[in-house]
Amino acid sequence: VRVLDKSAESDTAFDASHLDPATSHAPYRIFNMGNSQPVRILD
């Protein structure tokens, strides 16, 4: 969270004919914040 020092901006890769939830013409963005190393609950 601390490294989010830049405000959201329009995504130049946005393509209205092929909508992608991770891109937007608006100053909007979304990030997954996790470890990327899932662990079995039994472990």
PDB file of all heavy atoms in Angstrom:
ATOM      1  N   VAL A   1       0.839  -1.197   0.000  1.00  0.00           N
ATOM      2  CA  VAL A   1       0.000   0.000   0.000  1.00  0.00           C
ATOM      3  C   VAL A   1       0.875   1.248   0.000  1.00  0.00           C
ATOM      4  O   VAL A   1       0.591   2.224  -0.701  1.00  0.00           O
ATOM      5  CB  VAL A   1      -0.955  -0.002   1.222  1.00  0.00           C
ATOM      6  CG1 VAL A   1      -1.687   1.318   1.350  1.00  0.00           C
ATOM      7  CG2 VAL A   1      -1.941  -1.163   1.113  1.00  0.00           C
ATOM      8  N   ARG A   2       1.962   1.215   0.749  1.00  0.00           N
ATOM      9  CA  ARG A   2       2.849   2.372   0.861  1.00  0.00           C
ATOM     10  C   ARG A   2       3.436   2.791  -0.493  1.00  0.00           C
ATOM     11  O   ARG A   2       3.630   3.976  -0.754  1.00  0.00           O
ATOM     12  CB  ARG A   2       3.985   2.057   1.833  1.00  0.00           C
ATOM     13  CG  ARG A   2       4.827   3.269   2.218  1.00  0.00           C
ATOM     14  CD  ARG A   2       6.032   2.878   3.040  1.00  0.00           C
ATOM     15  NE  ARG A   2       6.997   2.084   2.303  1.00  0.00           N
ATOM     16  CZ  ARG A   2       7.825   2.562   1.358  1.00  0.00           C
ATOM     17  NH1 ARG A   2       7.775   3.818   1.023  1.00  0.00           N
ATOM     18  NH2 ARG A   2       8.669   1.783   0.747  1.00  0.00           N
ATOM     19  N   VAL A   3       3.681   1.838  -1.362  1.00  0.00           N
ATOM     20  CA  VAL A   3       4.302   2.175  -2.642  1.00  0.00           C
ATOM     21  C   VAL A   3       3.308   2.707  -3.667  1.00  0.00           C
ATOM     22  O   VAL A   3       3.688   3.058  -4.771  1.00  0.00           O
ATOM     23  CB  VAL A   3       5.087   0.983  -3.243  1.00  0.00           C
ATOM     24  CG1 VAL A   3       6.194   0.551  -2.312  1.00  0.00           C
ATOM     25  CG2 VAL A   3       4.170  -0.172  -3.579  1.00  0.00           C
ATOM     26  N   LEU A   4       2.040   2.807  -3.289  1.00  0.00           N
ATOM     27  CA  LEU A   4       1.046   3.392  -4.193  1.00  0.00           C
ATOM     28  C   LEU A   4       1.180   4.912  -4.186  1.00  0.00           C
ATOM     29  O   LEU A   4       0.328   5.621  -3.681  1.00  0.00           O
ATOM     30  CB  LEU A   4      -0.366   2.988  -3.768  1.00  0.00           C
ATOM     31  CG  LEU A   4      -0.780   1.580  -4.075  1.00  0.00           C
ATOM     32  CD1 LEU A   4      -2.140   1.289  -3.464  1.00  0.00           C
ATOM     33  CD2 LEU A   4      -0.822   1.340  -5.572  1.00  0.00           C
ATOM     34  N   ASP A   5       2.244   5.384  -4.733  1.00  0.00           N
ATOM     35  CA  ASP A   5       2.519   6.821  -4.692  1.00  0.00           C
ATOM     36  C   ASP A   5       2.014   7.552  -5.936  1.00  0.00           C
ATOM     37  O   ASP A   5       2.111   8.761  -6.033  1.00  0.00           O
ATOM     38  CB  ASP A   5       4.015   7.072  -4.523  1.00  0.00           C
ATOM     39  CG  ASP A   5       4.847   6.454  -5.636  1.00  0.00           C
ATOM     40  OD1 ASP A   5       4.286   5.738  -6.478  1.00  0.00           O
ATOM     41  OD2 ASP A   5       6.070   6.681  -5.656  1.00  0.00           O
ATOM     42  N   LYS A   6       1.453   6.822  -6.877  1.00  0.00           N
ATOM     43  CA  LYS A   6       0.989   7.430  -8.117  1.00  0.00           C
ATOM     44  C   LYS A   6      -0.524   7.295  -8.221  1.00  0.00           C
ATOM     45  O   LYS A   6      -1.080   6.231  -7.978  1.00  0.00           O
ATOM     46  CB  LYS A   6       1.665   6.729  -9.296  1.00  0.00           C
ATOM     47  CG  LYS A   6       1.336   7.309 -10.628  1.00  0.00           C
ATOM     48  CD  LYS A   6       2.085   6.567 -11.724  1.00  0.00           C
ATOM     49  CE  LYS A   6       1.590   7.040 -13.076  1.00  0.00           C
ATOM     50  NZ  LYS A   6       2.030   6.175 -14.141  1.00  0.00           N
ATOM     51  N   SER A   7      -1.179   8.348  -8.581  1.00  0.00           N
ATOM     52  CA  SER A   7      -2.623   8.351  -8.720  1.00  0.00           C
ATOM     53  C   SER A   7      -3.044   7.511  -9.930  1.00  0.00           C
ATOM     54  O   SER A   7      -2.292   7.372 -10.899  1.00  0.00           O
ATOM     55  CB  SER A   7      -3.097   9.792  -8.901  1.00  0.00           C
ATOM     56  OG  SER A   7      -4.487   9.862  -8.880  1.00  0.00           O
ATOM     57  N   ALA A   8      -4.234   6.949  -9.866  1.00  0.00           N
ATOM     58  CA  ALA A   8      -4.778   6.183 -10.988  1.00  0.00           C
ATOM     59  C   ALA A   8      -4.937   7.093 -12.207  1.00  0.00           C
ATOM     60  O   ALA A   8      -5.285   8.264 -12.074  1.00  0.00           O
ATOM     61  CB  ALA A   8      -6.117   5.570 -10.605  1.00  0.00           C
ATOM     62  N   GLU A   9      -4.672   6.530 -13.382  1.00  0.00           N
ATOM     63  CA  GLU A   9      -4.795   7.266 -14.640  1.00  0.00           C
ATOM     64  C   GLU A   9      -5.536   6.416 -15.651  1.00  0.00           C
ATOM     65  O   GLU A   9      -5.683   5.204 -15.477  1.00  0.00           O
ATOM     66  CB  GLU A   9      -3.403   7.597 -15.194  1.00  0.00           C
ATOM     67  CG  GLU A   9      -2.568   8.480 -14.297  1.00  0.00           C
ATOM     68  CD  GLU A   9      -1.146   8.668 -14.820  1.00  0.00           C
ATOM     69  OE1 GLU A   9      -0.753   7.961 -15.769  1.00  0.00           O
ATOM     70  OE2 GLU A   9      -0.447   9.525 -14.266  1.00  0.00           O
ATOM     71  N   SER A  10      -5.987   7.026 -16.726  1.00  0.00           N
ATOM     72  CA  SER A  10      -6.586   6.281 -17.822  1.00  0.00           C
ATOM     73  C   SER A  10      -5.565   5.310 -18.380  1.00  0.00           C
ATOM     74  O   SER A  10      -4.368   5.618 -18.449  1.00  0.00           O
ATOM     75  CB  SER A  10      -7.039   7.232 -18.931  1.00  0.00           C
ATOM     76  OG  SER A  10      -8.007   8.125 -18.440  1.00  0.00           O
ATOM     77  N   ASP A  11      -6.032   4.129 -18.794  1.00  0.00           N
ATOM     78  CA  ASP A  11      -5.145   3.105 -19.342  1.00  0.00           C
ATOM     79  C   ASP A  11      -5.120   3.233 -20.864  1.00  0.00           C
ATOM     80  O   ASP A  11      -6.153   3.091 -21.521  1.00  0.00           O
ATOM     81  CB  ASP A  11      -5.648   1.718 -18.924  1.00  0.00           C
ATOM     82  CG  ASP A  11      -4.674   0.611 -19.261  1.00  0.00           C
ATOM     83  OD1 ASP A  11      -3.847   0.777 -20.179  1.00  0.00           O
ATOM     84  OD2 ASP A  11      -4.753  -0.437 -18.601  1.00  0.00           O
ATOM     85  N   THR A  12      -3.958   3.460 -21.412  1.00  0.00           N
ATOM     86  CA  THR A  12      -3.838   3.616 -22.862  1.00  0.00           C
ATOM     87  C   THR A  12      -4.121   2.316 -23.600  1.00  0.00           C
ATOM     88  O   THR A  12      -4.398   2.330 -24.796  1.00  0.00           O
ATOM     89  CB  THR A  12      -2.437   4.138 -23.242  1.00  0.00           C
ATOM     90  OG1 THR A  12      -1.456   3.220 -22.732  1.00  0.00           O
ATOM     91  CG2 THR A  12      -2.193   5.526 -22.678  1.00  0.00           C
ATOM     92  N   ALA A  13      -4.084   1.178 -22.911  1.00  0.00           N
ATOM     93  CA  ALA A  13      -4.370  -0.121 -23.531  1.00  0.00           C
ATOM     94  C   ALA A  13      -5.866  -0.426 -23.567  1.00  0.00           C
ATOM     95  O   ALA A  13      -6.272  -1.452 -24.119  1.00  0.00           O
ATOM     96  CB  ALA A  13      -3.638  -1.230 -22.777  1.00  0.00           C
ATOM     97  N   PHE A  14      -6.700   0.454 -23.008  1.00  0.00           N
ATOM     98  CA  PHE A  14      -8.135   0.200 -22.978  1.00  0.00           C
ATOM     99  C   PHE A  14      -8.686   0.081 -24.390  1.00  0.00           C
ATOM    100  O   PHE A  14      -8.399   0.897 -25.260  1.00  0.00           O
ATOM    101  CB  PHE A  14      -8.865   1.329 -22.236  1.00  0.00           C
ATOM    102  CG  PHE A  14     -10.355   1.162 -22.234  1.00  0.00           C
ATOM    103  CD1 PHE A  14     -10.957   0.218 -21.408  1.00  0.00           C
ATOM    104  CD2 PHE A  14     -11.151   1.923 -23.065  1.00  0.00           C
ATOM    105  CE1 PHE A  14     -12.332   0.048 -21.405  1.00  0.00           C
ATOM    106  CE2 PHE A  14     -12.526   1.781 -23.065  1.00  0.00           C
ATOM    107  CZ  PHE A  14     -13.111   0.825 -22.233  1.00  0.00           C
ATOM    108  N   ASP A  15      -9.487  -0.962 -24.620  1.00  0.00           N
ATOM    109  CA  ASP A  15     -10.102  -1.210 -25.918  1.00  0.00           C
ATOM    110  C   ASP A  15     -11.580  -1.498 -25.671  1.00  0.00           C
ATOM    111  O   ASP A  15     -11.938  -2.567 -25.172  1.00  0.00           O
ATOM    112  CB  ASP A  15      -9.415  -2.400 -26.600  1.00  0.00           C
ATOM    113  CG  ASP A  15     -10.002  -2.735 -27.964  1.00  0.00           C
ATOM    114  OD1 ASP A  15     -10.993  -2.092 -28.382  1.00  0.00           O
ATOM    115  OD2 ASP A  15      -9.471  -3.654 -28.616  1.00  0.00           O
ATOM    116  N   ALA A  16     -12.444  -0.559 -26.019  1.00  0.00           N
ATOM    117  CA  ALA A  16     -13.878  -0.688 -25.759  1.00  0.00           C
ATOM    118  C   ALA A  16     -14.497  -1.862 -26.501  1.00  0.00           C
ATOM    119  O   ALA A  16     -15.544  -2.369 -26.102  1.00  0.00           O
ATOM    120  CB  ALA A  16     -14.600   0.600 -26.122  1.00  0.00           C
ATOM    121  N   SER A  17     -13.860  -2.347 -27.565  1.00  0.00           N
ATOM    122  CA  SER A  17     -14.423  -3.479 -28.305  1.00  0.00           C
ATOM    123  C   SER A  17     -14.034  -4.823 -27.686  1.00  0.00           C
ATOM    124  O   SER A  17     -14.589  -5.851 -28.053  1.00  0.00           O
ATOM    125  CB  SER A  17     -13.992  -3.429 -29.779  1.00  0.00           C
ATOM    126  OG  SER A  17     -12.593  -3.546 -29.888  1.00  0.00           O
ATOM    127  N   HIS A  18     -13.058  -4.832 -26.783  1.00  0.00           N
ATOM    128  CA  HIS A  18     -12.630  -6.042 -26.073  1.00  0.00           C
ATOM    129  C   HIS A  18     -12.444  -5.682 -24.594  1.00  0.00           C
ATOM    130  O   HIS A  18     -11.310  -5.492 -24.135  1.00  0.00           O
ATOM    131  CB  HIS A  18     -11.327  -6.592 -26.660  1.00  0.00           C
ATOM    132  CG  HIS A  18     -11.458  -7.045 -28.064  1.00  0.00           C
ATOM    133  ND1 HIS A  18     -11.245  -6.214 -29.131  1.00  0.00           N
ATOM    134  CD2 HIS A  18     -11.836  -8.249 -28.567  1.00  0.00           C
ATOM    135  CE1 HIS A  18     -11.450  -6.883 -30.252  1.00  0.00           C
ATOM    136  NE2 HIS A  18     -11.806  -8.120 -29.942  1.00  0.00           N
ATOM    137  N   LEU A  19     -13.551  -5.579 -23.889  1.00  0.00           N
ATOM    138  CA  LEU A  19     -13.500  -5.114 -22.507  1.00  0.00           C
ATOM    139  C   LEU A  19     -12.698  -6.062 -21.618  1.00  0.00           C
ATOM    140  O   LEU A  19     -12.863  -7.274 -21.664  1.00  0.00           O
ATOM    141  CB  LEU A  19     -14.914  -4.936 -21.951  1.00  0.00           C
ATOM    142  CG  LEU A  19     -15.736  -3.841 -22.630  1.00  0.00           C
ATOM    143  CD1 LEU A  19     -17.135  -3.800 -22.046  1.00  0.00           C
ATOM    144  CD2 LEU A  19     -15.059  -2.494 -22.477  1.00  0.00           C
ATOM    145  N   ASP A  20     -11.833  -5.461 -20.823  1.00  0.00           N
ATOM    146  CA  ASP A  20     -10.969  -6.183 -19.887  1.00  0.00           C
ATOM    147  C   ASP A  20     -11.145  -5.509 -18.529  1.00  0.00           C
ATOM    148  O   ASP A  20     -10.925  -4.306 -18.401  1.00  0.00           O
ATOM    149  CB  ASP A  20      -9.523  -6.080 -20.361  1.00  0.00           C
ATOM    150  CG  ASP A  20      -8.517  -6.709 -19.414  1.00  0.00           C
ATOM    151  OD1 ASP A  20      -8.874  -7.066 -18.268  1.00  0.00           O
ATOM    152  OD2 ASP A  20      -7.356  -6.841 -19.823  1.00  0.00           O
ATOM    153  N   PRO A  21     -11.569  -6.261 -17.494  1.00  0.00           N
ATOM    154  CA  PRO A  21     -11.788  -5.641 -16.182  1.00  0.00           C
ATOM    155  C   PRO A  21     -10.577  -4.929 -15.601  1.00  0.00           C
ATOM    156  O   PRO A  21     -10.721  -4.092 -14.711  1.00  0.00           O
ATOM    157  CB  PRO A  21     -12.186  -6.828 -15.294  1.00  0.00           C
ATOM    158  CG  PRO A  21     -12.682  -7.871 -16.234  1.00  0.00           C
ATOM    159  CD  PRO A  21     -11.901  -7.679 -17.503  1.00  0.00           C
ATOM    160  N   ALA A  22      -9.384  -5.221 -16.096  1.00  0.00           N
ATOM    161  CA  ALA A  22      -8.173  -4.604 -15.547  1.00  0.00           C
ATOM    162  C   ALA A  22      -7.777  -3.323 -16.265  1.00  0.00           C
ATOM    163  O   ALA A  22      -6.794  -2.687 -15.882  1.00  0.00           O
ATOM    164  CB  ALA A  22      -7.013  -5.597 -15.587  1.00  0.00           C
ATOM    165  N   THR A  23      -8.510  -2.936 -17.301  1.00  0.00           N
ATOM    166  CA  THR A  23      -8.188  -1.701 -18.011  1.00  0.00           C
ATOM    167  C   THR A  23      -9.401  -0.783 -18.014  1.00  0.00           C
ATOM    168  O   THR A  23     -10.538  -1.241 -17.880  1.00  0.00           O
ATOM    169  CB  THR A  23      -7.755  -1.977 -19.470  1.00  0.00           C
ATOM    170  OG1 THR A  23      -8.867  -2.512 -20.192  1.00  0.00           O
ATOM    171  CG2 THR A  23      -6.577  -2.934 -19.529  1.00  0.00           C
ATOM    172  N   SER A  24      -9.151   0.503 -18.164  1.00  0.00           N
ATOM    173  CA  SER A  24     -10.251   1.459 -18.173  1.00  0.00           C
ATOM    174  C   SER A  24      -9.826   2.751 -18.846  1.00  0.00           C
ATOM    175  O   SER A  24      -8.675   3.165 -18.752  1.00  0.00           O
ATOM    176  CB  SER A  24     -10.692   1.763 -16.738  1.00  0.00           C
ATOM    177  OG  SER A  24     -11.685   2.761 -16.743  1.00  0.00           O
ATOM    178  N   HIS A  25     -10.785   3.380 -19.494  1.00  0.00           N
ATOM    179  CA  HIS A  25     -10.544   4.724 -20.030  1.00  0.00           C
ATOM    180  C   HIS A  25     -10.614   5.758 -18.905  1.00  0.00           C
ATOM    181  O   HIS A  25     -10.147   6.874 -19.055  1.00  0.00           O
ATOM    182  CB  HIS A  25     -11.579   5.051 -21.107  1.00  0.00           C
ATOM    183  CG  HIS A  25     -12.951   5.223 -20.545  1.00  0.00           C
ATOM    184  ND1 HIS A  25     -13.714   4.157 -20.131  1.00  0.00           N
ATOM    185  CD2 HIS A  25     -13.677   6.334 -20.287  1.00  0.00           C
ATOM    186  CE1 HIS A  25     -14.856   4.602 -19.652  1.00  0.00           C
ATOM    187  NE2 HIS A  25     -14.872   5.921 -19.737  1.00  0.00           N
ATOM    188  N   ALA A  26     -11.204   5.373 -17.806  1.00  0.00           N
ATOM    189  CA  ALA A  26     -11.338   6.257 -16.642  1.00  0.00           C
ATOM    190  C   ALA A  26     -10.088   6.122 -15.759  1.00  0.00           C
ATOM    191  O   ALA A  26      -9.357   5.138 -15.861  1.00  0.00           O
ATOM    192  CB  ALA A  26     -12.582   5.880 -15.847  1.00  0.00           C
ATOM    193  N   PRO A  27      -9.848   7.090 -14.874  1.00  0.00           N
ATOM    194  CA  PRO A  27      -8.713   6.978 -13.942  1.00  0.00           C
ATOM    195  C   PRO A  27      -9.042   5.995 -12.811  1.00  0.00           C
ATOM    196  O   PRO A  27      -9.317   6.380 -11.673  1.00  0.00           O
ATOM    197  CB  PRO A  27      -8.522   8.406 -13.435  1.00  0.00           C
ATOM    198  CG  PRO A  27      -9.885   9.020 -13.531  1.00  0.00           C
ATOM    199  CD  PRO A  27     -10.536   8.380 -14.727  1.00  0.00           C
ATOM    200  N   TYR A  28      -9.062   4.725 -13.157  1.00  0.00           N
ATOM    201  CA  TYR A  28      -9.507   3.653 -12.258  1.00  0.00           C
ATOM    202  C   TYR A  28      -8.552   2.480 -12.418  1.00  0.00           C
ATOM    203  O   TYR A  28      -8.134   2.152 -13.530  1.00  0.00           O
ATOM    204  CB  TYR A  28     -10.914   3.219 -12.662  1.00  0.00           C
ATOM    205  CG  TYR A  28     -11.398   1.955 -11.997  1.00  0.00           C
ATOM    206  CD1 TYR A  28     -12.031   1.991 -10.768  1.00  0.00           C
ATOM    207  CD2 TYR A  28     -11.240   0.715 -12.616  1.00  0.00           C
ATOM    208  CE1 TYR A  28     -12.493   0.834 -10.155  1.00  0.00           C
ATOM    209  CE2 TYR A  28     -11.692  -0.450 -12.009  1.00  0.00           C
ATOM    210  CZ  TYR A  28     -12.316  -0.389 -10.784  1.00  0.00           C
ATOM    211  OH  TYR A  28     -12.762  -1.534 -10.185  1.00  0.00           O
ATOM    212  N   ARG A  29      -8.211   1.867 -11.295  1.00  0.00           N
ATOM    213  CA  ARG A  29      -7.400   0.650 -11.360  1.00  0.00           C
ATOM    214  C   ARG A  29      -7.709  -0.212 -10.144  1.00  0.00           C
ATOM    215  O   ARG A  29      -8.247   0.266  -9.140  1.00  0.00           O
ATOM    216  CB  ARG A  29      -5.910   0.967 -11.447  1.00  0.00           C
ATOM    217  CG  ARG A  29      -5.388   1.737 -10.258  1.00  0.00           C
ATOM    218  CD  ARG A  29      -3.963   2.174 -10.458  1.00  0.00           C
ATOM    219  NE  ARG A  29      -3.579   3.004  -9.316  1.00  0.00           N
ATOM    220  CZ  ARG A  29      -2.391   3.510  -9.151  1.00  0.00           C
ATOM    221  NH1 ARG A  29      -1.446   3.290 -10.036  1.00  0.00           N
ATOM    222  NH2 ARG A  29      -2.129   4.239  -8.094  1.00  0.00           N
ATOM    223  N   ILE A  30      -7.378  -1.482 -10.293  1.00  0.00           N
ATOM    224  CA  ILE A  30      -7.630  -2.450  -9.236  1.00  0.00           C
ATOM    225  C   ILE A  30      -6.404  -3.359  -9.133  1.00  0.00           C
ATOM    226  O   ILE A  30      -5.809  -3.697 -10.153  1.00  0.00           O
ATOM    227  CB  ILE A  30      -8.931  -3.251  -9.526  1.00  0.00           C
ATOM    228  CG1 ILE A  30      -9.418  -3.981  -8.289  1.00  0.00           C
ATOM    229  CG2 ILE A  30      -8.795  -4.163 -10.691  1.00  0.00           C
ATOM    230  CD1 ILE A  30     -10.301  -3.166  -7.424  1.00  0.00           C
ATOM    231  N   PHE A  31      -6.006  -3.680  -7.912  1.00  0.00           N
ATOM    232  CA  PHE A  31      -4.846  -4.541  -7.708  1.00  0.00           C
ATOM    233  C   PHE A  31      -5.176  -5.662  -6.728  1.00  0.00           C
ATOM    234  O   PHE A  31      -5.814  -5.421  -5.703  1.00  0.00           O
ATOM    235  CB  PHE A  31      -3.666  -3.758  -7.108  1.00  0.00           C
ATOM    236  CG  PHE A  31      -3.075  -2.732  -8.013  1.00  0.00           C
ATOM    237  CD1 PHE A  31      -3.173  -1.391  -7.682  1.00  0.00           C
ATOM    238  CD2 PHE A  31      -2.405  -3.081  -9.177  1.00  0.00           C
ATOM    239  CE1 PHE A  31      -2.624  -0.417  -8.499  1.00  0.00           C
ATOM    240  CE2 PHE A  31      -1.861  -2.119 -10.003  1.00  0.00           C
ATOM    241  CZ  PHE A  31      -1.962  -0.786  -9.661  1.00  0.00           C
ATOM    242  N   ASN A  32      -4.703  -6.848  -7.039  1.00  0.00           N
ATOM    243  CA  ASN A  32      -4.701  -7.933  -6.064  1.00  0.00           C
ATOM    244  C   ASN A  32      -3.532  -7.682  -5.129  1.00  0.00           C
ATOM    245  O   ASN A  32      -2.426  -7.362  -5.575  1.00  0.00           O
ATOM    246  CB  ASN A  32      -4.503  -9.287  -6.747  1.00  0.00           C
ATOM    247  CG  ASN A  32      -5.727  -9.751  -7.485  1.00  0.00           C
ATOM    248  OD1 ASN A  32      -6.815  -9.219  -7.303  1.00  0.00           O
ATOM    249  ND2 ASN A  32      -5.568 -10.758  -8.318  1.00  0.00           N
ATOM    250  N   MET A  33      -3.756  -7.834  -3.839  1.00  0.00           N
ATOM    251  CA  MET A  33      -2.700  -7.657  -2.841  1.00  0.00           C
ATOM    252  C   MET A  33      -2.610  -8.952  -2.039  1.00  0.00           C
ATOM    253  O   MET A  33      -3.402  -9.175  -1.128  1.00  0.00           O
ATOM    254  CB  MET A  33      -3.008  -6.484  -1.913  1.00  0.00           C
ATOM    255  CG  MET A  33      -3.167  -5.149  -2.599  1.00  0.00           C
ATOM    256  SD  MET A  33      -1.633  -4.419  -3.137  1.00  0.00           S
ATOM    257  CE  MET A  33      -0.956  -3.891  -1.591  1.00  0.00           C
ATOM    258  N   GLY A  34      -1.666  -9.800  -2.427  1.00  0.00           N
ATOM    259  CA  GLY A  34      -1.522 -11.084  -1.758  1.00  0.00           C
ATOM    260  C   GLY A  34      -0.109 -11.607  -1.859  1.00  0.00           C
ATOM    261  O   GLY A  34       0.793 -10.942  -2.355  1.00  0.00           O
ATOM    262  N   ASN A  35       0.039 -12.810  -1.430  1.00  0.00           N
ATOM    263  CA  ASN A  35       1.339 -13.458  -1.347  1.00  0.00           C
ATOM    264  C   ASN A  35       1.682 -14.253  -2.592  1.00  0.00           C
ATOM    265  O   ASN A  35       2.834 -14.505  -2.879  1.00  0.00           O
ATOM    266  CB  ASN A  35       1.346 -14.376  -0.109  1.00  0.00           C
ATOM    267  CG  ASN A  35       2.658 -15.066   0.107  1.00  0.00           C
ATOM    268  OD1 ASN A  35       3.685 -14.626  -0.365  1.00  0.00           O
ATOM    269  ND2 ASN A  35       2.627 -16.156   0.824  1.00  0.00           N
ATOM    270  N   SER A  36       0.686 -14.700  -3.330  1.00  0.00           N
ATOM    271  CA  SER A  36       0.851 -15.507  -4.539  1.00  0.00           C
ATOM    272  C   SER A  36       1.494 -16.861  -4.278  1.00  0.00           C
ATOM    273  O   SER A  36       2.090 -17.442  -5.163  1.00  0.00           O
ATOM    274  CB  SER A  36       1.645 -14.746  -5.612  1.00  0.00           C
ATOM    275  OG  SER A  36       0.967 -13.573  -5.972  1.00  0.00           O
ATOM    276  N   GLN A  37       1.394 -17.328  -3.050  1.00  0.00           N
ATOM    277  CA  GLN A  37       1.895 -18.659  -2.704  1.00  0.00           C
ATOM    278  C   GLN A  37       0.845 -19.359  -1.837  1.00  0.00           C
ATOM    279  O   GLN A  37       1.001 -19.458  -0.617  1.00  0.00           O
ATOM    280  CB  GLN A  37       3.228 -18.572  -1.974  1.00  0.00           C
ATOM    281  CG  GLN A  37       4.335 -18.008  -2.825  1.00  0.00           C
ATOM    282  CD  GLN A  37       5.643 -17.906  -2.070  1.00  0.00           C
ATOM    283  OE1 GLN A  37       5.691 -17.980  -0.852  1.00  0.00           O
ATOM    284  NE2 GLN A  37       6.711 -17.736  -2.806  1.00  0.00           N
ATOM    285  N   PRO A  38      -0.228 -19.851  -2.467  1.00  0.00           N
ATOM    286  CA  PRO A  38      -1.304 -20.478  -1.697  1.00  0.00           C
ATOM    287  C   PRO A  38      -0.801 -21.657  -0.859  1.00  0.00           C
ATOM    288  O   PRO A  38       0.125 -22.373  -1.251  1.00  0.00           O
ATOM    289  CB  PRO A  38      -2.281 -20.960  -2.774  1.00  0.00           C
ATOM    290  CG  PRO A  38      -1.939 -20.184  -3.991  1.00  0.00           C
ATOM    291  CD  PRO A  38      -0.486 -19.869  -3.894  1.00  0.00           C
ATOM    292  N   VAL A  39      -1.435 -21.811   0.295  1.00  0.00           N
ATOM    293  CA  VAL A  39      -1.057 -22.852   1.255  1.00  0.00           C
ATOM    294  C   VAL A  39      -2.291 -23.697   1.547  1.00  0.00           C
ATOM    295  O   VAL A  39      -3.383 -23.158   1.755  1.00  0.00           O
ATOM    296  CB  VAL A  39      -0.538 -22.208   2.559  1.00  0.00           C
ATOM    297  CG1 VAL A  39      -0.198 -23.268   3.586  1.00  0.00           C
ATOM    298  CG2 VAL A  39       0.659 -21.321   2.280  1.00  0.00           C
ATOM    299  N   ARG A  40      -2.102 -25.006   1.576  1.00  0.00           N
ATOM    300  CA  ARG A  40      -3.198 -25.906   1.954  1.00  0.00           C
ATOM    301  C   ARG A  40      -3.532 -25.688   3.424  1.00  0.00           C
ATOM    302  O   ARG A  40      -2.639 -25.590   4.254  1.00  0.00           O
ATOM    303  CB  ARG A  40      -2.788 -27.363   1.735  1.00  0.00           C
ATOM    304  CG  ARG A  40      -2.608 -27.759   0.310  1.00  0.00           C
ATOM    305  CD  ARG A  40      -1.975 -29.159   0.188  1.00  0.00           C
ATOM    306  NE  ARG A  40      -2.124 -29.962   1.390  1.00  0.00           N
ATOM    307  CZ  ARG A  40      -2.755 -31.141   1.456  1.00  0.00           C
ATOM    308  NH1 ARG A  40      -3.243 -31.669   0.377  1.00  0.00           N
ATOM    309  NH2 ARG A  40      -2.854 -31.792   2.590  1.00  0.00           N
ATOM    310  N   ILE A  41      -4.813 -25.628   3.730  1.00  0.00           N
ATOM    311  CA  ILE A  41      -5.227 -25.393   5.120  1.00  0.00           C
ATOM    312  C   ILE A  41      -4.750 -26.535   6.020  1.00  0.00           C
ATOM    313  O   ILE A  41      -4.406 -26.315   7.189  1.00  0.00           O
ATOM    314  CB  ILE A  41      -6.755 -25.158   5.231  1.00  0.00           C
ATOM    315  CG1 ILE A  41      -7.101 -24.440   6.539  1.00  0.00           C
ATOM    316  CG2 ILE A  41      -7.524 -26.438   5.096  1.00  0.00           C
ATOM    317  CD1 ILE A  41      -6.643 -23.024   6.626  1.00  0.00           C
ATOM    318  N   LEU A  42      -4.677 -27.758   5.483  1.00  0.00           N
ATOM    319  CA  LEU A  42      -4.178 -28.882   6.285  1.00  0.00           C
ATOM    320  C   LEU A  42      -2.697 -28.700   6.625  1.00  0.00           C
ATOM    321  O   LEU A  42      -2.247 -29.119   7.696  1.00  0.00           O
ATOM    322  CB  LEU A  42      -4.415 -30.211   5.572  1.00  0.00           C
ATOM    323  CG  LEU A  42      -5.880 -30.660   5.501  1.00  0.00           C
ATOM    324  CD1 LEU A  42      -6.009 -31.953   4.704  1.00  0.00           C
ATOM    325  CD2 LEU A  42      -6.479 -30.819   6.896  1.00  0.00           C
ATOM    326  N   ASP A  43      -1.936 -28.042   5.748  1.00  0.00           N
ATOM    327  CA  ASP A  43      -0.535 -27.743   6.062  1.00  0.00           C
ATOM    328  C   ASP A  43      -0.456 -26.707   7.176  1.00  0.00           C
ATOM    329  O   ASP A  43       0.412 -26.788   8.049  1.00  0.00           O
ATOM    330  CB  ASP A  43       0.217 -27.254   4.817  1.00  0.00           C
ATOM    331  CG  ASP A  43       0.404 -28.348   3.770  1.00  0.00           C
ATOM    332  OD1 ASP A  43       0.295 -29.552   4.128  1.00  0.00           O
ATOM    333  OD2 ASP A  43       0.644 -28.005   2.599  1.00  0.00           O
TER     334      ASP A  43
END
